Amino acid sequence: MTPEGRVKADIKKFLNTLPNCFWWMPPVNGYGTNGIPDFVGCYLGVFFAIEAKRPGGLSGVTALQQDKINRINQAHGYAIAADDVEAVKAMFERIDAGLQFVPPARLSA
């Protein structure tokens, strides 16, 4: 597994522990939108996106990827580039801190 692949595996493992979280990895092919982060999803009604990079590889974020991250954040979603799962956990801590009230319907399965 590549270093970036290990980061992605760690992120997947973490995301799978979150209750009330739906996520997916958009396919990388000629039919998608260029620059979309590796992970996109919804957590307690909050849109998030994560661009995974190898450890120490944050300088490898392309201008197009950074533009998508910026646009998601400007739209009041949460988006980051992460080279380890700790950065992802910190993003979800910020999401949790920003949630003041979660309607009960969102907590039911």
N, C-alpha and C. Protein backbone atom coordinates (compact mmCIF):
# COMPACT_ATOMS: atom_id res chain seq x y z
N MET A 1 0.85 -1.18 0.00
CA MET A 1 0.00 0.00 0.00
C MET A 1 0.91 1.25 0.00
N THR A 2 0.49 2.25 -0.75
CA THR A 2 1.26 3.49 -0.81
C THR A 2 1.08 4.29 0.48
N PRO A 3 1.98 5.25 0.75
CA PRO A 3 1.78 6.10 1.93
C PRO A 3 0.43 6.83 1.91
N GLU A 4 0.02 7.35 0.74
CA GLU A 4 -1.29 8.01 0.65
C GLU A 4 -2.40 6.99 0.88
N GLY A 5 -2.22 5.78 0.38
CA GLY A 5 -3.21 4.72 0.58
C GLY A 5 -3.40 4.40 2.06
N ARG A 6 -2.31 4.44 2.84
CA ARG A 6 -2.42 4.19 4.28
C ARG A 6 -3.20 5.32 4.96
N VAL A 7 -2.96 6.56 4.53
CA VAL A 7 -3.71 7.69 5.09
C VAL A 7 -5.19 7.52 4.77
N LYS A 8 -5.51 7.16 3.52
CA LYS A 8 -6.90 6.94 3.14
C LYS A 8 -7.53 5.82 3.95
N ALA A 9 -6.80 4.74 4.18
CA ALA A 9 -7.32 3.63 4.97
C ALA A 9 -7.61 4.07 6.40
N ASP A 10 -6.73 4.88 6.98
CA ASP A 10 -6.95 5.39 8.33
C ASP A 10 -8.18 6.30 8.38
N ILE A 11 -8.36 7.13 7.35
CA ILE A 11 -9.52 8.02 7.29
C ILE A 11 -10.80 7.20 7.17
N LYS A 12 -10.81 6.20 6.30
CA LYS A 12 -11.98 5.33 6.15
C LYS A 12 -12.35 4.68 7.49
N LYS A 13 -11.33 4.16 8.16
CA LYS A 13 -11.57 3.50 9.45
C LYS A 13 -12.20 4.47 10.44
N PHE A 14 -11.68 5.69 10.50
CA PHE A 14 -12.24 6.69 11.40
C PHE A 14 -13.67 7.06 11.02
N LEU A 15 -13.90 7.35 9.73
CA LEU A 15 -15.25 7.74 9.29
C LEU A 15 -16.27 6.66 9.62
N ASN A 16 -15.86 5.41 9.52
CA ASN A 16 -16.78 4.31 9.81
C ASN A 16 -17.14 4.21 11.29
N THR A 17 -16.41 4.89 12.16
CA THR A 17 -16.74 4.89 13.60
C THR A 17 -17.75 5.97 13.95
N LEU A 18 -17.98 6.92 13.06
CA LEU A 18 -18.86 8.05 13.37
C LEU A 18 -20.32 7.67 13.18
N PRO A 19 -21.14 7.84 14.23
CA PRO A 19 -22.57 7.61 14.03
C PRO A 19 -23.14 8.76 13.20
N ASN A 20 -24.19 8.49 12.48
CA ASN A 20 -24.90 9.52 11.71
C ASN A 20 -23.99 10.19 10.69
N CYS A 21 -23.15 9.39 10.06
CA CYS A 21 -22.23 9.90 9.05
C CYS A 21 -22.39 9.08 7.78
N PHE A 22 -22.62 9.78 6.67
CA PHE A 22 -22.69 9.14 5.35
C PHE A 22 -21.56 9.73 4.52
N TRP A 23 -20.75 8.87 3.93
CA TRP A 23 -19.63 9.35 3.12
C TRP A 23 -19.40 8.42 1.94
N TRP A 24 -18.69 8.95 0.97
CA TRP A 24 -18.28 8.14 -0.18
C TRP A 24 -17.02 8.73 -0.79
N MET A 25 -16.42 7.95 -1.66
CA MET A 25 -15.24 8.40 -2.39
C MET A 25 -15.64 8.48 -3.87
N PRO A 26 -15.75 9.70 -4.39
CA PRO A 26 -16.11 9.83 -5.80
C PRO A 26 -15.09 9.12 -6.68
N PRO A 27 -15.56 8.41 -7.71
CA PRO A 27 -14.62 7.70 -8.58
C PRO A 27 -13.75 8.68 -9.36
N VAL A 28 -12.53 8.26 -9.56
CA VAL A 28 -11.59 9.07 -10.35
C VAL A 28 -11.62 8.51 -11.77
N ASN A 29 -12.31 9.22 -12.63
CA ASN A 29 -12.38 8.82 -14.04
C ASN A 29 -12.78 10.02 -14.87
N GLY A 30 -12.96 9.84 -16.13
CA GLY A 30 -13.27 10.94 -17.02
C GLY A 30 -14.67 11.50 -16.88
N TYR A 31 -15.50 10.93 -16.02
CA TYR A 31 -16.89 11.36 -15.92
C TYR A 31 -17.17 12.27 -14.72
N GLY A 32 -16.19 12.46 -13.86
CA GLY A 32 -16.39 13.26 -12.66
C GLY A 32 -15.96 14.70 -12.87
N THR A 33 -15.96 15.45 -11.79
CA THR A 33 -15.52 16.83 -11.79
C THR A 33 -14.09 16.87 -11.24
N ASN A 34 -13.19 17.46 -11.98
CA ASN A 34 -11.80 17.53 -11.55
C ASN A 34 -11.66 18.34 -10.27
N GLY A 35 -10.78 17.88 -9.40
CA GLY A 35 -10.48 18.60 -8.18
C GLY A 35 -11.35 18.26 -6.99
N ILE A 36 -12.37 17.43 -7.18
CA ILE A 36 -13.24 17.05 -6.06
C ILE A 36 -12.41 16.24 -5.06
N PRO A 37 -12.52 16.53 -3.76
CA PRO A 37 -11.73 15.81 -2.76
C PRO A 37 -12.00 14.30 -2.76
N ASP A 38 -11.08 13.56 -2.16
CA ASP A 38 -11.15 12.10 -2.14
C ASP A 38 -12.36 11.57 -1.38
N PHE A 39 -12.75 12.25 -0.31
CA PHE A 39 -13.89 11.84 0.51
C PHE A 39 -14.89 12.99 0.55
N VAL A 40 -16.16 12.68 0.36
CA VAL A 40 -17.22 13.67 0.55
C VAL A 40 -18.33 13.01 1.35
N GLY A 41 -19.05 13.80 2.13
CA GLY A 41 -20.10 13.21 2.92
C GLY A 41 -20.90 14.21 3.71
N CYS A 42 -21.76 13.66 4.55
CA CYS A 42 -22.63 14.45 5.40
C CYS A 42 -22.59 13.84 6.80
N TYR A 43 -22.37 14.69 7.79
CA TYR A 43 -22.31 14.27 9.18
C TYR A 43 -23.24 15.17 9.98
N LEU A 44 -24.31 14.60 10.52
CA LEU A 44 -25.30 15.34 11.29
C LEU A 44 -25.78 16.59 10.53
N GLY A 45 -25.99 16.43 9.24
CA GLY A 45 -26.49 17.53 8.42
C GLY A 45 -25.43 18.49 7.93
N VAL A 46 -24.18 18.22 8.19
CA VAL A 46 -23.09 19.11 7.79
C VAL A 46 -22.30 18.44 6.66
N PHE A 47 -22.14 19.17 5.56
CA PHE A 47 -21.37 18.66 4.43
C PHE A 47 -19.89 18.76 4.74
N PHE A 48 -19.13 17.70 4.41
CA PHE A 48 -17.69 17.73 4.59
C PHE A 48 -16.98 17.10 3.40
N ALA A 49 -15.71 17.45 3.25
CA ALA A 49 -14.88 16.87 2.20
C ALA A 49 -13.44 16.82 2.68
N ILE A 50 -12.73 15.78 2.27
CA ILE A 50 -11.35 15.58 2.69
C ILE A 50 -10.52 15.19 1.48
N GLU A 51 -9.46 15.93 1.24
CA GLU A 51 -8.46 15.58 0.23
C GLU A 51 -7.31 14.93 0.97
N ALA A 52 -7.07 13.65 0.73
CA ALA A 52 -6.02 12.91 1.42
C ALA A 52 -4.70 13.02 0.67
N LYS A 53 -3.64 13.22 1.43
CA LYS A 53 -2.28 13.29 0.89
C LYS A 53 -1.38 12.39 1.73
N ARG A 54 -0.27 12.00 1.16
CA ARG A 54 0.71 11.19 1.90
C ARG A 54 1.25 12.03 3.06
N PRO A 55 1.78 11.39 4.09
CA PRO A 55 2.37 12.16 5.19
C PRO A 55 3.42 13.14 4.67
N GLY A 56 3.30 14.40 5.08
CA GLY A 56 4.21 15.43 4.61
C GLY A 56 3.91 15.94 3.22
N GLY A 57 2.79 15.51 2.63
CA GLY A 57 2.50 15.83 1.24
C GLY A 57 1.50 16.95 1.02
N LEU A 58 1.24 17.76 2.02
CA LEU A 58 0.24 18.82 1.85
C LEU A 58 0.65 19.85 0.80
N SER A 59 1.93 19.97 0.53
CA SER A 59 2.36 20.89 -0.53
C SER A 59 1.95 20.38 -1.91
N GLY A 60 1.50 19.13 -1.98
CA GLY A 60 1.07 18.55 -3.24
C GLY A 60 -0.39 18.81 -3.59
N VAL A 61 -1.08 19.60 -2.78
CA VAL A 61 -2.46 19.97 -3.10
C VAL A 61 -2.41 20.85 -4.34
N THR A 62 -3.15 20.46 -5.36
CA THR A 62 -3.13 21.24 -6.60
C THR A 62 -3.98 22.50 -6.45
N ALA A 63 -3.78 23.43 -7.36
CA ALA A 63 -4.58 24.67 -7.34
C ALA A 63 -6.06 24.33 -7.50
N LEU A 64 -6.37 23.36 -8.35
CA LEU A 64 -7.77 22.98 -8.56
C LEU A 64 -8.36 22.34 -7.31
N GLN A 65 -7.58 21.48 -6.64
CA GLN A 65 -8.06 20.89 -5.39
C GLN A 65 -8.26 21.96 -4.32
N GLN A 66 -7.32 22.89 -4.21
CA GLN A 66 -7.45 23.95 -3.22
C GLN A 66 -8.66 24.83 -3.52
N ASP A 67 -8.92 25.07 -4.80
CA ASP A 67 -10.10 25.86 -5.18
C ASP A 67 -11.37 25.17 -4.71
N LYS A 68 -11.47 23.86 -4.89
CA LYS A 68 -12.67 23.12 -4.44
C LYS A 68 -12.79 23.17 -2.92
N ILE A 69 -11.67 23.00 -2.20
CA ILE A 69 -11.69 23.08 -0.74
C ILE A 69 -12.17 24.46 -0.31
N ASN A 70 -11.64 25.50 -0.93
CA ASN A 70 -12.04 26.87 -0.59
C ASN A 70 -13.52 27.10 -0.87
N ARG A 71 -14.01 26.62 -2.01
CA ARG A 71 -15.41 26.83 -2.37
C ARG A 71 -16.35 26.11 -1.41
N ILE A 72 -15.98 24.92 -0.97
CA ILE A 72 -16.80 24.19 0.01
C ILE A 72 -16.84 24.95 1.33
N ASN A 73 -15.70 25.43 1.78
CA ASN A 73 -15.66 26.19 3.03
C ASN A 73 -16.43 27.50 2.90
N GLN A 74 -16.36 28.16 1.76
CA GLN A 74 -17.11 29.40 1.54
C GLN A 74 -18.62 29.15 1.55
N ALA A 75 -19.02 27.93 1.18
CA ALA A 75 -20.44 27.56 1.18
C ALA A 75 -20.88 27.04 2.55
N HIS A 76 -20.03 27.20 3.56
CA HIS A 76 -20.30 26.81 4.94
C HIS A 76 -20.29 25.31 5.17
N GLY A 77 -19.61 24.59 4.28
CA GLY A 77 -19.29 23.19 4.55
C GLY A 77 -17.94 23.16 5.24
N TYR A 78 -17.42 21.98 5.46
CA TYR A 78 -16.10 21.81 6.05
C TYR A 78 -15.25 21.01 5.07
N ALA A 79 -14.12 21.55 4.69
CA ALA A 79 -13.23 20.85 3.77
C ALA A 79 -11.79 21.11 4.14
N ILE A 80 -10.98 20.06 4.08
CA ILE A 80 -9.56 20.16 4.39
C ILE A 80 -8.76 19.25 3.48
N ALA A 81 -7.48 19.52 3.41
CA ALA A 81 -6.50 18.55 2.91
C ALA A 81 -5.84 17.99 4.17
N ALA A 82 -5.66 16.69 4.20
CA ALA A 82 -5.12 16.05 5.40
C ALA A 82 -4.05 15.04 5.02
N ASP A 83 -2.95 15.05 5.77
CA ASP A 83 -1.91 14.06 5.55
C ASP A 83 -1.83 13.05 6.70
N ASP A 84 -2.81 13.13 7.60
CA ASP A 84 -2.96 12.12 8.65
C ASP A 84 -4.38 12.17 9.19
N VAL A 85 -4.77 11.13 9.89
CA VAL A 85 -6.14 11.05 10.41
C VAL A 85 -6.37 12.04 11.54
N GLU A 86 -5.33 12.47 12.21
CA GLU A 86 -5.50 13.44 13.31
C GLU A 86 -6.08 14.75 12.80
N ALA A 87 -5.70 15.19 11.62
CA ALA A 87 -6.27 16.41 11.03
C ALA A 87 -7.76 16.23 10.77
N VAL A 88 -8.14 15.03 10.35
CA VAL A 88 -9.55 14.74 10.09
C VAL A 88 -10.33 14.74 11.41
N LYS A 89 -9.77 14.12 12.43
CA LYS A 89 -10.44 14.12 13.74
C LYS A 89 -10.62 15.55 14.24
N ALA A 90 -9.62 16.40 14.04
CA ALA A 90 -9.72 17.80 14.47
C ALA A 90 -10.84 18.52 13.72
N MET A 91 -11.00 18.22 12.42
CA MET A 91 -12.09 18.84 11.66
C MET A 91 -13.45 18.44 12.24
N PHE A 92 -13.61 17.17 12.60
CA PHE A 92 -14.88 16.73 13.16
C PHE A 92 -15.11 17.29 14.56
N GLU A 93 -14.05 17.54 15.30
CA GLU A 93 -14.20 18.22 16.59
C GLU A 93 -14.73 19.64 16.36
N ARG A 94 -14.24 20.33 15.30
CA ARG A 94 -14.74 21.67 14.98
C ARG A 94 -16.21 21.60 14.55
N ILE A 95 -16.57 20.57 13.79
CA ILE A 95 -17.97 20.42 13.39
C ILE A 95 -18.83 20.23 14.64
N ASP A 96 -18.43 19.31 15.51
CA ASP A 96 -19.20 19.05 16.73
C ASP A 96 -19.33 20.31 17.58
N ALA A 97 -18.27 21.08 17.68
CA ALA A 97 -18.31 22.31 18.48
C ALA A 97 -19.27 23.33 17.88
N GLY A 98 -19.44 23.30 16.57
CA GLY A 98 -20.32 24.25 15.90
C GLY A 98 -21.79 23.87 15.94
N LEU A 99 -22.08 22.62 16.28
CA LEU A 99 -23.46 22.17 16.34
C LEU A 99 -24.06 22.55 17.69
N GLN A 100 -25.12 23.34 17.66
CA GLN A 100 -25.75 23.75 18.91
C GLN A 100 -26.97 22.90 19.23
N PHE A 101 -27.66 22.44 18.20
CA PHE A 101 -28.85 21.65 18.41
C PHE A 101 -28.98 20.67 17.26
N VAL A 102 -29.19 19.42 17.59
CA VAL A 102 -29.41 18.40 16.57
C VAL A 102 -30.82 17.89 16.74
N PRO A 103 -31.71 18.12 15.76
CA PRO A 103 -33.08 17.62 15.87
C PRO A 103 -33.09 16.11 16.09
N PRO A 104 -33.98 15.60 16.94
CA PRO A 104 -34.02 14.17 17.21
C PRO A 104 -34.14 13.31 15.96
N ALA A 105 -34.82 13.79 14.93
CA ALA A 105 -34.99 13.00 13.70
C ALA A 105 -33.64 12.69 13.08
N ARG A 106 -32.67 13.53 13.27
CA ARG A 106 -31.35 13.28 12.69
C ARG A 106 -30.59 12.20 13.43
N LEU A 107 -31.00 11.91 14.64
CA LEU A 107 -30.29 10.92 15.43
C LEU A 107 -30.88 9.52 15.32
N SER A 108 -32.03 9.39 14.67
CA SER A 108 -32.63 8.07 14.53
C SER A 108 -32.03 7.36 13.33
N ALA A 109 -32.01 6.06 13.42
CA ALA A 109 -31.43 5.25 12.34
C ALA A 109 -32.42 5.05 11.22
